[in-house]
Amino acid sequence: MKKYISIYFIISVIFISGCDKKEVATPEIKLEPVSYTVYSKHLELFIEFSPLVVGEKTIFNVFATETGDVFKPLNNGKVVVDIPNNGTAIANTQDSPGIFKPEFIPTKPSNDITLKFIVDSKEFTDTLKLYHINIFPDKNSVKTDKNSGHDDHDHDGHDHDHEGHDHKHDDKDHNHDSHNHSDEEKKSLMASGSSNEVIFTKEQSWKIEFANKEIKRGTFYYTIKTTGQIQTPVGEEAVISAKSGGIVRFGSNYINGMKVFKGENLFTISGGNLNEGNINSKILEAKANYEKAQSDLERATELNNDKIISDKEFNAVKNNYIISKEIYNTLTTNYGESGVRIYSPIGGFLKSINVLNGEYVQPGQTLANVVRNQKLLIKADLSQKYFEIINSIRSANFKTPDGKTYDTEQLNGKSIIFGKNTGQENLLLPVNFEIDYREELIPGTFVEVYLKTNRIPGALVIPISALLEEQGVFYVFIQTSGISFEKREVKIGESDGNNVRILSGLDEGERVVTKGTYQIKLASLSGSLPSHGHDH
């Protein structure tokens, strides 16, 4: 009997112990988000989302940036995501400028599909694509898939013209999920990217003047850097001189730089109370001589008809009349009651006014200079050591003191003089380019000139604004993803004032930061990897 009681007790203890054990819950699988950066003619899209799983809601965090001279957030429009075999996800409104959040729930698993992101704004419609995307049947499948991580895609070259659609905005609110790096991710990024990787969020780049550019090979030129000056070409300037002595009066309140027209009355010169060189006295004297010569001719004509005087005597009287008339007409040309009027022979601008209103002037004295302002001259001085290649120079870039660079070809420039010898006092060779007039280019300004010689085909070229210099070493920032940048050392070659040739350190197809480099440098000096969450 005791034997049965013991067995029953043991079974009871085992049963009770089994009942006290709690079921162990299966841990929830957390999927890390993936991100992609794609470009079109008008846009850069930085897209973040969790791997696509059937039955799980997916939110596409789309950061839309309008590319151009300065990158700015897209301020209008909508984003449609076309998912093969699963329909579409649409964001008709923005959470904030540049941020769209289309969402959907996949219904069918698919492998190696292409997602189309159609961005429709008031100005354009662009389609950008993500290739080789999978829709997984469950979360476990994501963990076992080797290709579910981050991948970068270039756009497929589909550019679309603006279709002029009107857009209605839904009043639906969108909550933006913040995606932050975990501590492990930060350590991993810092380890893999070392000190050269910098995180700079879209919100940060939108607040500054930021831009990047795809590096492409193209034709460049060997250049010679020298100094030069902007000048007025011969034939573009007229010198206004006094035709007689007297008191000069201005035709208007003229100042340097004022526009004048051809034939405009600029000055009037009168004799006033001055005797020496008095134009009024000269005209009166010439008039008296002319009237006397006219009267003598009339009498000589009658006498010659009556054969009282010879033809020789008559011709002498006639010649005196012609000379007196010419002198009188010359003095009275452009002469009015107030004096001799001085007109501008060309239309243009007053380069300089060389006299004061009411000042006494001598005959031939320069009153003013008028420039036509249709052409300008870039005069460069070249060392004699370049004499043998001077004929290979066909164009140039020049940089003004305000830092702006101009291309003579874009200003319809042409080389007009290549100096073959030097003067006794100047040992430099003159190289001149005639260009179209631009208001901001002021004659007399000294400029830096980059003379272009022989072509360099297939050169790797970036804007000078992309360069950073540290102790004689040059660096750039390469954008490796939507918010990730890499500091890269480069070796540079020729420069034309706008762009610089890269000898090593960069590859074609990479995107280099052309504006905002200094701000990214400051971010790199912070000493830590910032979170790239997007909080609003």
Protein backbone atom coordinates (compact mmCIF):
# COMPACT_ATOMS: atom_id res chain seq x y z
CA MET A 1 0.00 0.00 0.00
CA LYS A 2 2.85 2.35 0.83
CA LYS A 3 4.35 1.57 -2.60
CA TYR A 4 1.26 2.85 -4.41
CA ILE A 5 1.08 5.97 -2.27
CA SER A 6 4.72 6.86 -3.13
CA ILE A 7 4.13 6.44 -6.88
CA TYR A 8 1.00 8.60 -6.69
CA PHE A 9 2.92 11.29 -4.79
CA ILE A 10 5.71 11.37 -7.35
CA ILE A 11 3.25 11.64 -10.25
CA SER A 12 1.37 14.45 -8.47
CA VAL A 13 4.55 16.40 -7.86
CA ILE A 14 5.58 16.04 -11.51
CA PHE A 15 2.12 17.14 -12.69
CA ILE A 16 2.02 20.15 -10.37
CA SER A 17 5.53 21.15 -11.32
CA GLY A 18 4.59 20.97 -14.99
CA CYS A 19 1.55 23.14 -14.44
CA ASP A 20 3.63 25.83 -12.72
CA LYS A 21 5.89 26.31 -15.78
CA LYS A 22 4.97 29.35 -17.93
CA GLU A 23 5.01 29.19 -21.74
CA VAL A 24 8.07 30.91 -23.29
CA ALA A 25 6.91 33.60 -25.81
CA THR A 26 8.57 33.72 -29.24
CA PRO A 27 10.59 36.97 -29.46
CA GLU A 28 9.26 39.48 -32.00
CA ILE A 29 11.44 39.86 -35.08
CA LYS A 30 12.58 43.44 -35.55
CA LEU A 31 13.43 44.41 -39.13
CA GLU A 32 16.05 47.03 -39.76
CA PRO A 33 15.06 49.70 -42.34
CA VAL A 34 16.78 49.96 -45.70
CA SER A 35 17.51 53.14 -47.65
CA TYR A 36 18.05 54.07 -51.28
CA THR A 37 19.14 57.21 -53.11
CA VAL A 38 18.05 57.79 -56.71
CA TYR A 39 18.26 60.74 -59.11
CA SER A 40 16.32 62.10 -62.07
CA LYS A 41 16.62 65.26 -64.14
CA HIS A 42 14.89 67.36 -61.49
CA LEU A 43 15.07 65.34 -58.28
CA GLU A 44 17.05 63.47 -55.70
CA LEU A 45 14.98 60.96 -53.71
CA PHE A 46 16.27 59.56 -50.43
CA ILE A 47 13.92 56.71 -49.50
CA GLU A 48 13.79 54.78 -46.20
CA PHE A 49 11.48 51.87 -45.44
CA SER A 50 11.38 48.51 -43.68
CA PRO A 51 11.70 45.36 -45.84
CA LEU A 52 8.37 44.59 -47.52
CA VAL A 53 6.48 41.75 -45.81
CA VAL A 54 3.03 40.42 -46.71
CA GLY A 55 0.44 41.66 -44.21
CA GLU A 56 2.76 44.19 -42.59
CA LYS A 57 2.15 47.93 -43.05
CA THR A 58 4.99 49.65 -44.87
CA ILE A 59 5.67 53.38 -44.67
CA PHE A 60 7.92 54.84 -47.34
CA ASN A 61 9.76 57.84 -45.91
CA VAL A 62 10.50 59.79 -49.08
CA PHE A 63 12.76 62.85 -48.87
CA ALA A 64 12.33 64.71 -52.17
CA THR A 65 14.97 67.30 -53.09
CA GLU A 66 14.81 69.53 -56.14
CA THR A 67 18.25 69.57 -57.73
CA GLY A 68 19.73 72.59 -59.44
CA ASP A 69 22.18 75.33 -58.60
CA VAL A 70 21.09 74.89 -54.97
CA PHE A 71 19.31 71.76 -53.66
CA LYS A 72 16.02 72.58 -51.93
CA PRO A 73 13.09 70.49 -50.59
CA LEU A 74 10.20 69.89 -52.98
CA ASN A 75 7.43 72.20 -51.79
CA ASN A 76 4.47 70.88 -53.74
CA GLY A 77 3.09 67.80 -55.43
CA LYS A 78 2.47 64.18 -54.53
CA VAL A 79 4.31 60.85 -54.58
CA VAL A 80 2.84 57.64 -55.98
CA VAL A 81 4.60 54.30 -55.44
CA ASP A 82 3.72 51.63 -58.00
CA ILE A 83 4.23 48.11 -56.56
CA PRO A 84 3.87 45.27 -59.12
CA ASN A 85 1.05 42.83 -58.28
CA ASN A 86 0.23 44.84 -55.14
CA GLY A 87 -1.27 48.14 -56.32
CA THR A 88 -0.08 51.61 -55.38
CA ALA A 89 0.75 53.72 -52.34
CA ILE A 90 -0.06 57.42 -52.57
CA ALA A 91 0.99 60.46 -50.53
CA ASN A 92 -1.08 63.45 -51.67
CA THR A 93 0.33 65.80 -49.04
CA GLN A 94 3.61 66.48 -47.30
CA ASP A 95 4.43 66.02 -43.65
CA SER A 96 6.72 69.01 -44.08
CA PRO A 97 8.49 70.52 -47.11
CA GLY A 98 10.24 67.76 -49.01
CA ILE A 99 8.92 64.84 -46.93
CA PHE A 100 6.26 62.43 -48.22
CA LYS A 101 4.96 59.27 -46.50
CA PRO A 102 3.04 56.94 -48.79
CA GLU A 103 2.06 53.69 -47.05
CA PHE A 104 0.55 50.34 -47.98
CA ILE A 105 0.21 46.69 -46.91
CA PRO A 106 1.62 44.07 -49.34
CA THR A 107 -0.74 41.23 -50.20
CA LYS A 108 1.38 39.01 -52.44
CA PRO A 109 5.01 37.91 -52.13
CA SER A 110 7.20 38.79 -55.12
CA ASN A 111 10.85 38.48 -56.05
CA ASP A 112 13.13 40.84 -57.94
CA ILE A 113 10.51 43.50 -58.70
CA THR A 114 10.92 47.16 -59.67
CA LEU A 115 9.29 49.86 -57.56
CA LYS A 116 8.32 53.02 -59.43
CA PHE A 117 8.25 56.31 -57.52
CA ILE A 118 6.23 58.83 -59.54
CA VAL A 119 6.69 62.39 -58.32
CA ASP A 120 4.09 64.78 -59.71
CA SER A 121 4.62 68.49 -59.03
CA LYS A 122 3.34 71.70 -60.60
CA GLU A 123 6.49 72.04 -62.70
CA PHE A 124 7.31 68.46 -63.74
CA THR A 125 6.55 64.76 -63.43
CA ASP A 126 9.49 62.41 -62.86
CA THR A 127 9.57 58.63 -62.50
CA LEU A 128 12.37 57.07 -60.48
CA LYS A 129 12.89 53.33 -60.00
CA LEU A 130 14.25 50.93 -57.39
CA TYR A 131 15.36 47.60 -58.85
CA HIS A 132 15.64 44.07 -57.39
CA ILE A 133 13.17 44.57 -54.54
CA ASN A 134 11.58 41.55 -52.80
CA ILE A 135 8.23 41.24 -51.02
CA PHE A 136 8.70 38.54 -48.38
CA PRO A 137 6.00 36.11 -47.22
CA ASP A 138 7.01 36.60 -43.55
CA LYS A 139 9.62 38.24 -41.36
CA ASN A 140 11.67 35.08 -40.98
CA SER A 141 12.26 35.10 -44.73
CA VAL A 142 13.77 38.59 -44.45
CA LYS A 143 16.36 37.41 -41.94
CA THR A 144 17.47 34.57 -44.19
CA ASP A 145 17.66 36.74 -47.33
CA LYS A 146 21.17 37.98 -48.06
CA ASN A 147 20.02 40.79 -50.35
CA SER A 148 17.56 42.50 -48.01
CA GLY A 149 20.03 45.06 -46.74
CA HIS A 150 20.95 48.49 -47.96
CA ASP A 151 21.54 49.03 -51.66
CA ASP A 152 22.05 52.10 -53.77
CA HIS A 153 20.38 52.56 -57.15
CA ASP A 154 20.94 55.06 -59.90
CA HIS A 155 17.94 56.43 -61.78
CA ASP A 156 17.12 54.83 -65.11
CA GLY A 157 17.31 58.02 -67.13
CA HIS A 158 13.57 58.60 -67.53
CA ASP A 159 12.96 62.33 -67.57
CA HIS A 160 9.45 63.66 -67.87
CA ASP A 161 8.09 67.01 -68.90
CA HIS A 162 5.62 68.88 -66.75
CA GLU A 163 2.07 67.86 -67.55
CA GLY A 164 0.36 70.84 -65.97
CA HIS A 165 -1.97 68.88 -63.70
CA ASP A 166 -3.94 70.58 -60.94
CA HIS A 167 -3.41 68.93 -57.61
CA LYS A 168 -5.89 68.57 -54.78
CA HIS A 169 -4.49 67.93 -51.32
CA ASP A 170 -6.17 65.59 -48.91
CA ASP A 171 -6.58 66.73 -45.33
CA LYS A 172 -5.20 63.48 -44.03
CA ASP A 173 -2.55 63.76 -41.32
CA HIS A 174 0.62 61.70 -41.57
CA ASN A 175 2.66 60.70 -38.56
CA HIS A 176 6.37 60.54 -39.35
CA ASP A 177 8.26 57.60 -37.85
CA SER A 178 11.72 58.58 -36.65
CA HIS A 179 14.47 56.16 -37.65
CA ASN A 180 17.58 56.41 -35.51
CA HIS A 181 20.79 54.40 -35.56
CA SER A 182 21.10 52.02 -32.65
CA ASP A 183 24.32 52.17 -30.62
CA GLU A 184 25.53 49.03 -32.40
CA GLU A 185 24.82 50.61 -35.80
CA LYS A 186 26.71 53.76 -34.84
CA LYS A 187 29.74 51.74 -33.77
CA SER A 188 29.55 49.71 -36.96
CA LEU A 189 29.30 52.80 -39.17
CA MET A 190 32.16 54.50 -37.40
CA ALA A 191 34.28 51.40 -37.70
CA SER A 192 33.52 50.79 -41.37
CA GLY A 193 33.75 54.42 -42.46
CA SER A 194 36.55 55.35 -40.05
CA SER A 195 36.96 59.09 -39.48
CA ASN A 196 36.14 59.90 -43.12
CA GLU A 197 32.39 59.19 -42.91
CA VAL A 198 30.05 62.03 -42.04
CA ILE A 199 26.27 61.90 -41.51
CA PHE A 200 24.49 65.05 -42.70
CA THR A 201 20.71 64.79 -42.72
CA LYS A 202 18.35 66.09 -45.36
CA GLU A 203 16.94 68.62 -42.92
CA GLN A 204 20.47 69.95 -42.37
CA SER A 205 21.27 70.20 -46.08
CA TRP A 206 17.96 71.93 -46.80
CA LYS A 207 18.85 74.74 -44.37
CA ILE A 208 22.05 75.71 -46.20
CA GLU A 209 23.24 76.31 -49.75
CA PHE A 210 23.92 72.71 -50.69
CA ALA A 211 24.47 70.94 -54.00
CA ASN A 212 26.25 67.92 -55.40
CA LYS A 213 27.24 66.96 -58.91
CA GLU A 214 27.89 63.71 -60.72
CA ILE A 215 31.50 63.42 -61.81
CA LYS A 216 31.81 62.97 -65.56
CA ARG A 217 34.67 62.84 -68.01
CA GLY A 218 34.85 65.51 -70.68
CA THR A 219 37.10 67.79 -72.67
CA PHE A 220 39.35 70.10 -70.67
CA TYR A 221 42.27 72.33 -71.61
CA TYR A 222 45.81 72.93 -70.54
CA THR A 223 45.80 76.44 -69.12
CA ILE A 224 48.22 79.28 -68.47
CA LYS A 225 47.35 81.55 -65.57
CA THR A 226 48.31 85.20 -65.91
CA THR A 227 47.04 88.70 -65.16
CA GLY A 228 45.06 91.02 -67.37
CA GLN A 229 42.81 94.04 -67.54
CA ILE A 230 39.37 94.91 -68.91
CA GLN A 231 39.67 97.70 -71.47
CA THR A 232 37.57 99.55 -74.04
CA PRO A 233 38.46 98.52 -77.62
CA VAL A 234 39.60 101.05 -80.20
CA GLY A 235 36.54 102.24 -82.12
CA GLU A 236 34.25 101.80 -79.13
CA GLU A 237 35.24 105.16 -77.62
CA ALA A 238 34.76 108.70 -78.93
CA VAL A 239 36.61 111.78 -77.68
CA ILE A 240 34.47 114.93 -77.52
CA SER A 241 36.63 118.05 -78.12
CA ALA A 242 36.01 121.79 -78.04
CA LYS A 243 35.66 123.27 -81.53
CA SER A 244 36.56 126.73 -80.28
CA GLY A 245 37.58 128.56 -77.16
CA GLY A 246 35.03 129.92 -74.74
CA ILE A 247 32.84 129.14 -71.75
CA VAL A 248 31.46 125.59 -71.74
CA ARG A 249 27.90 124.90 -70.58
CA PHE A 250 26.47 121.42 -70.04
CA GLY A 251 23.39 120.41 -72.04
CA SER A 252 22.06 118.50 -69.00
CA ASN A 253 23.10 117.41 -65.51
CA TYR A 254 25.57 114.88 -66.84
CA ILE A 255 27.54 112.51 -64.62
CA ASN A 256 29.95 109.70 -65.40
CA GLY A 257 28.17 106.52 -66.49
CA MET A 258 25.06 108.31 -67.78
CA LYS A 259 23.57 107.01 -71.02
CA VAL A 260 23.67 109.36 -74.03
CA PHE A 261 22.33 109.07 -77.57
CA LYS A 262 23.96 109.72 -80.92
CA GLY A 263 23.40 113.38 -81.89
CA GLU A 264 22.56 114.47 -78.33
CA ASN A 265 23.62 118.04 -77.46
CA LEU A 266 26.18 117.52 -74.69
CA PHE A 267 27.82 120.97 -74.42
CA THR A 268 27.54 124.56 -75.66
CA ILE A 269 30.54 126.89 -75.92
CA SER A 270 29.98 130.65 -75.89
CA GLY A 271 32.37 133.59 -75.94
CA GLY A 272 30.75 135.52 -73.13
CA ASN A 273 32.70 138.67 -72.24
CA LEU A 274 36.06 137.18 -73.21
CA ASN A 275 37.85 138.78 -76.14
CA GLU A 276 40.62 136.29 -76.86
CA GLY A 277 39.25 133.37 -78.83
CA ASN A 278 35.71 134.76 -78.55
CA ILE A 279 33.59 132.68 -80.93
CA ASN A 280 30.96 135.39 -81.21
CA SER A 281 33.51 137.94 -82.42
CA LYS A 282 34.91 135.51 -84.97
CA ILE A 283 31.48 134.77 -86.34
CA LEU A 284 30.63 138.48 -86.64
CA GLU A 285 33.91 139.09 -88.44
CA ALA A 286 33.34 136.15 -90.78
CA LYS A 287 29.80 137.30 -91.46
CA ALA A 288 30.98 140.79 -92.40
CA ASN A 289 33.64 139.38 -94.72
CA TYR A 290 31.10 137.04 -96.30
CA GLU A 291 28.53 139.80 -96.88
CA LYS A 292 31.20 142.11 -98.39
CA ALA A 293 32.45 139.30 -100.66
CA GLN A 294 28.88 138.64 -101.77
CA SER A 295 28.35 142.32 -102.59
CA ASP A 296 31.68 142.47 -104.47
CA LEU A 297 30.69 139.41 -106.51
CA GLU A 298 27.37 140.95 -107.51
CA ARG A 299 29.09 144.17 -108.73
CA ALA A 300 31.90 142.23 -110.46
CA THR A 301 29.31 140.16 -112.30
CA GLU A 302 27.71 143.32 -113.75
CA LEU A 303 31.09 144.78 -114.69
CA ASN A 304 32.22 141.54 -116.29
CA ASN A 305 29.03 141.37 -118.35
CA ASP A 306 29.71 144.92 -119.59
CA LYS A 307 33.32 143.94 -120.39
CA ILE A 308 34.58 146.58 -117.99
CA ILE A 309 36.73 144.07 -116.02
CA SER A 310 38.57 141.03 -117.30
CA ASP A 311 37.63 137.42 -116.58
CA LYS A 312 40.78 137.13 -114.47
CA GLU A 313 39.66 139.96 -112.19
CA PHE A 314 36.15 138.48 -112.00
CA ASN A 315 37.45 135.03 -111.01
CA ALA A 316 39.55 136.53 -108.22
CA VAL A 317 36.45 138.23 -106.76
CA LYS A 318 34.46 135.00 -107.12
CA ASN A 319 37.12 132.92 -105.34
CA ASN A 320 37.20 135.40 -102.45
CA TYR A 321 33.43 135.03 -102.13
CA ILE A 322 33.64 131.21 -102.03
CA ILE A 323 36.34 131.28 -99.33
CA SER A 324 34.48 133.82 -97.19
CA LYS A 325 31.28 131.82 -97.44
CA GLU A 326 33.03 128.58 -96.40
CA ILE A 327 34.64 130.27 -93.39
CA TYR A 328 31.32 131.71 -92.31
CA ASN A 329 29.43 128.41 -92.74
CA THR A 330 32.13 126.52 -90.83
CA LEU A 331 31.92 128.87 -87.87
CA THR A 332 28.13 128.94 -87.81
CA THR A 333 27.67 125.15 -88.10
CA ASN A 334 26.11 123.95 -84.80
CA TYR A 335 26.02 127.58 -83.66
CA GLY A 336 22.97 128.97 -81.89
CA GLU A 337 22.11 132.09 -80.01
CA SER A 338 23.87 130.74 -76.93
CA GLY A 339 26.99 129.54 -78.72
CA VAL A 340 28.46 126.50 -80.49
CA ARG A 341 26.64 123.25 -79.77
CA ILE A 342 28.71 120.06 -79.26
CA TYR A 343 26.94 116.80 -80.14
CA SER A 344 27.79 113.18 -79.28
CA PRO A 345 28.97 111.35 -82.43
CA ILE A 346 27.94 107.93 -81.04
CA GLY A 347 25.42 106.47 -78.64
CA GLY A 348 26.69 104.94 -75.41
CA PHE A 349 27.70 105.99 -71.92
CA LEU A 350 29.76 108.86 -70.56
CA LYS A 351 33.03 107.26 -69.55
CA SER A 352 34.46 110.52 -68.22
CA ILE A 353 33.61 114.24 -68.09
CA ASN A 354 36.84 116.23 -68.13
CA VAL A 355 35.62 119.81 -67.58
CA LEU A 356 33.42 121.69 -65.14
CA ASN A 357 30.24 123.48 -66.07
CA GLY A 358 31.17 127.15 -66.71
CA GLU A 359 34.87 126.45 -67.20
CA TYR A 360 36.85 128.22 -69.94
CA VAL A 361 38.15 125.77 -72.56
CA GLN A 362 40.71 126.03 -75.34
CA PRO A 363 40.08 124.91 -78.93
CA GLY A 364 40.75 121.17 -79.20
CA GLN A 365 40.52 120.56 -75.44
CA THR A 366 38.92 117.21 -74.46
CA LEU A 367 35.51 117.77 -72.91
CA ALA A 368 34.34 114.16 -72.40
CA ASN A 369 34.75 110.54 -73.49
CA VAL A 370 31.79 108.45 -74.68
CA VAL A 371 31.99 104.65 -74.98
CA ARG A 372 29.65 102.63 -77.17
CA ASN A 373 29.53 99.64 -74.73
CA GLN A 374 28.92 97.00 -77.34
CA LYS A 375 32.29 95.33 -76.95
CA LEU A 376 35.00 95.04 -74.30
CA LEU A 377 38.63 93.99 -74.50
CA ILE A 378 40.38 91.52 -72.20
CA LYS A 379 44.08 92.33 -72.43
CA ALA A 380 46.35 89.68 -70.92
CA ASP A 381 50.12 89.76 -70.52
CA LEU A 382 52.02 86.55 -71.20
CA SER A 383 55.57 85.61 -70.32
CA GLN A 384 57.98 85.23 -73.24
CA LYS A 385 58.60 81.58 -72.34
CA TYR A 386 55.17 80.76 -73.83
CA PHE A 387 56.01 82.36 -77.20
CA GLU A 388 56.08 79.01 -79.06
CA ILE A 389 52.55 78.04 -77.97
CA ILE A 390 50.94 81.47 -78.25
CA ASN A 391 49.23 80.49 -81.52
CA SER A 392 47.46 77.57 -79.77
CA ILE A 393 45.52 79.97 -77.51
CA ARG A 394 41.94 80.26 -78.73
CA SER A 395 39.89 81.21 -75.67
CA ALA A 396 40.20 82.09 -72.02
CA ASN A 397 38.43 82.33 -68.69
CA PHE A 398 38.88 85.41 -66.53
CA LYS A 399 38.04 86.02 -62.87
CA THR A 400 37.01 89.43 -61.56
CA PRO A 401 37.84 90.72 -58.03
CA ASP A 402 34.38 89.69 -56.78
CA GLY A 403 35.23 86.03 -57.52
CA LYS A 404 33.01 85.59 -60.58
CA THR A 405 34.50 83.70 -63.51
CA TYR A 406 33.58 84.35 -67.15
CA ASP A 407 34.26 82.36 -70.32
CA THR A 408 35.22 84.39 -73.40
CA GLU A 409 33.46 81.84 -75.63
CA GLN A 410 30.17 82.36 -73.77
CA LEU A 411 30.58 86.12 -74.33
CA ASN A 412 31.11 85.62 -78.09
CA GLY A 413 34.77 86.30 -77.55
CA LYS A 414 37.40 86.17 -80.26
CA SER A 415 41.16 86.55 -80.15
CA ILE A 416 42.12 89.68 -82.07
CA ILE A 417 45.81 90.28 -81.31
CA PHE A 418 48.66 87.96 -80.41
CA GLY A 419 51.79 89.99 -79.74
CA LYS A 420 54.82 88.78 -81.66
CA ASN A 421 57.25 91.15 -80.01
CA THR A 422 57.59 93.17 -76.84
CA GLY A 423 58.31 96.79 -76.21
CA GLN A 424 61.56 98.05 -74.79
CA GLU A 425 60.00 98.67 -71.39
CA ASN A 426 57.51 95.77 -71.34
CA LEU A 427 58.93 92.28 -71.74
CA LEU A 428 55.50 90.57 -71.73
CA LEU A 429 53.55 89.41 -74.78
CA PRO A 430 50.04 90.89 -75.17
CA VAL A 431 47.13 88.49 -75.76
CA ASN A 432 43.77 90.21 -76.38
CA PHE A 433 40.18 88.96 -76.55
CA GLU A 434 37.22 91.02 -77.72
CA ILE A 435 34.00 90.10 -75.88
CA ASP A 436 30.40 91.28 -75.64
CA TYR A 437 29.73 94.13 -73.25
CA ARG A 438 28.41 93.23 -69.80
CA GLU A 439 27.29 95.93 -67.39
CA GLU A 440 29.10 94.39 -64.42
CA LEU A 441 32.44 94.32 -66.30
CA ILE A 442 34.04 97.71 -65.72
CA PRO A 443 36.88 98.93 -67.97
CA GLY A 444 40.08 99.36 -65.98
CA THR A 445 39.42 96.38 -63.71
CA PHE A 446 42.34 93.98 -63.24
CA VAL A 447 41.46 90.29 -63.62
CA GLU A 448 42.99 86.83 -63.36
CA VAL A 449 43.16 85.24 -66.81
CA TYR A 450 43.29 81.51 -67.60
CA LEU A 451 44.44 81.09 -71.20
CA LYS A 452 43.22 77.81 -72.73
CA THR A 453 45.65 75.99 -75.00
CA ASN A 454 45.66 72.31 -76.06
CA ARG A 455 42.71 70.00 -75.40
CA ILE A 456 42.71 67.24 -72.76
CA PRO A 457 40.12 64.64 -73.87
CA GLY A 458 38.44 62.44 -71.27
CA ALA A 459 39.51 64.57 -68.31
CA LEU A 460 37.92 64.06 -64.88
CA VAL A 461 36.78 67.54 -63.84
CA ILE A 462 35.00 68.99 -60.79
CA PRO A 463 34.08 72.57 -59.76
CA ILE A 464 36.72 74.42 -57.75
CA SER A 465 34.05 75.08 -55.09
CA ALA A 466 34.18 71.36 -54.20
CA LEU A 467 37.79 71.56 -53.00
CA LEU A 468 38.96 71.89 -49.40
CA GLU A 469 42.61 72.56 -48.64
CA GLU A 470 44.34 71.50 -45.44
CA GLN A 471 48.08 72.20 -45.15
CA GLY A 472 48.61 71.95 -48.89
CA VAL A 473 46.56 68.76 -49.29
CA PHE A 474 43.26 68.88 -51.17
CA TYR A 475 40.08 67.04 -50.16
CA VAL A 476 36.50 66.69 -51.34
CA PHE A 477 33.33 65.22 -49.85
CA ILE A 478 31.74 62.40 -51.82
CA GLN A 479 28.04 61.73 -51.20
CA THR A 480 27.85 57.96 -50.75
CA SER A 481 24.13 57.88 -49.91
CA GLY A 482 21.32 60.31 -49.21
CA ILE A 483 22.77 61.40 -45.86
CA SER A 484 26.23 59.82 -45.82
CA PHE A 485 29.41 61.55 -46.99
CA GLU A 486 33.01 60.47 -47.29
CA LYS A 487 36.02 62.76 -47.01
CA ARG A 488 38.42 61.93 -49.85
CA GLU A 489 41.94 63.16 -50.61
CA VAL A 490 42.50 64.12 -54.26
CA LYS A 491 45.38 65.23 -56.44
CA ILE A 492 44.60 68.14 -58.73
CA GLY A 493 45.93 69.31 -62.08
CA GLU A 494 45.02 72.24 -64.33
CA SER A 495 42.42 74.84 -63.40
CA ASP A 496 40.48 77.21 -65.65
CA GLY A 497 39.16 79.37 -62.82
CA ASN A 498 35.83 77.50 -62.73
CA ASN A 499 36.80 73.84 -62.71
CA VAL A 500 39.83 71.79 -61.82
CA ARG A 501 41.18 68.58 -63.32
CA ILE A 502 41.40 65.60 -60.95
CA LEU A 503 44.47 63.40 -61.41
CA SER A 504 43.61 60.81 -58.74
CA GLY A 505 41.24 60.11 -55.86
CA LEU A 506 37.87 60.14 -57.66
CA ASP A 507 35.99 57.91 -60.09
CA GLU A 508 33.53 58.80 -62.81
CA GLY A 509 29.92 58.45 -61.66
CA GLU A 510 30.55 59.44 -58.03
CA ARG A 511 28.76 62.49 -56.70
CA VAL A 512 30.89 65.28 -55.27
CA VAL A 513 29.59 68.03 -52.98
CA THR A 514 29.93 71.37 -54.78
CA LYS A 515 28.18 73.63 -52.24
CA GLY A 516 28.01 73.23 -48.48
CA THR A 517 31.44 71.62 -48.14
CA TYR A 518 32.41 73.82 -45.20
CA GLN A 519 29.27 72.94 -43.22
CA ILE A 520 29.86 69.23 -43.80
CA LYS A 521 33.45 69.71 -42.67
CA LEU A 522 32.16 71.27 -39.43
CA ALA A 523 29.90 68.25 -38.95
CA SER A 524 32.90 65.95 -39.42
CA LEU A 525 34.78 67.81 -36.67
CA SER A 526 32.06 67.13 -34.09
CA GLY A 527 33.87 63.92 -33.14
CA SER A 528 30.77 61.72 -33.05
CA LEU A 529 28.35 60.14 -35.46
CA PRO A 530 25.03 61.96 -35.13
CA SER A 531 21.71 60.22 -35.30
CA HIS A 532 20.10 60.52 -38.72
CA GLY A 533 16.55 60.47 -37.44
CA HIS A 534 14.17 62.94 -39.04
CA ASP A 535 12.11 64.49 -36.27
CA HIS A 536 9.58 67.25 -36.82
